[in-house]
Amino acid sequence: MSIKTTVKHYAKFLYPGSLFPEEQSVEIPSLDANLDLPQGAFAYSLYSVETKETEVDGETFVKDKIIKKDGVCYIDAVIYTADTLPDTSDLQILRSNMQANGYAAVVHCNRGNWQPFDESVDKIVYSSGY
């Protein structure tokens, strides 16, 4: 029996979709690599995947496992809480959804969409920093 372990790192970019965000993952050299932000992306997250290949009696078994996953990095977004959200009629449903789902904050993304924001793991990044 032999076991081969490899670790690969990925950036998952999020794009506006019809109902849910569209996703595209690309392999990157490391989790602290400088990223080329693709046009149209409003966010990304970084993660690492460990792959174990085990060979037993000439047969190979492969198991992938996410071993590190960062929060979402929103690109050029603005954070709002229920208190700082503008008090306009077109945002009343958003405010109601925030309260119903227990979201302390949301972000208004660079593409105009709104997403939940978890201050303990998510962050705002600025495209001018890349």
Foldseek 3Di string as FASTA:
>chain_A
DDKDKDKWKKKWFWADDDPGTDIDIDTDPDPPDDDDDDPRTQKIKMWMKMWMWDADPNDIDIDIDTDDIADIEGEPKDKDALVRPDPDPVCPVVSVVCVVVVQRIWIQTPVRDIGGDDVVTYYYDYPVVD
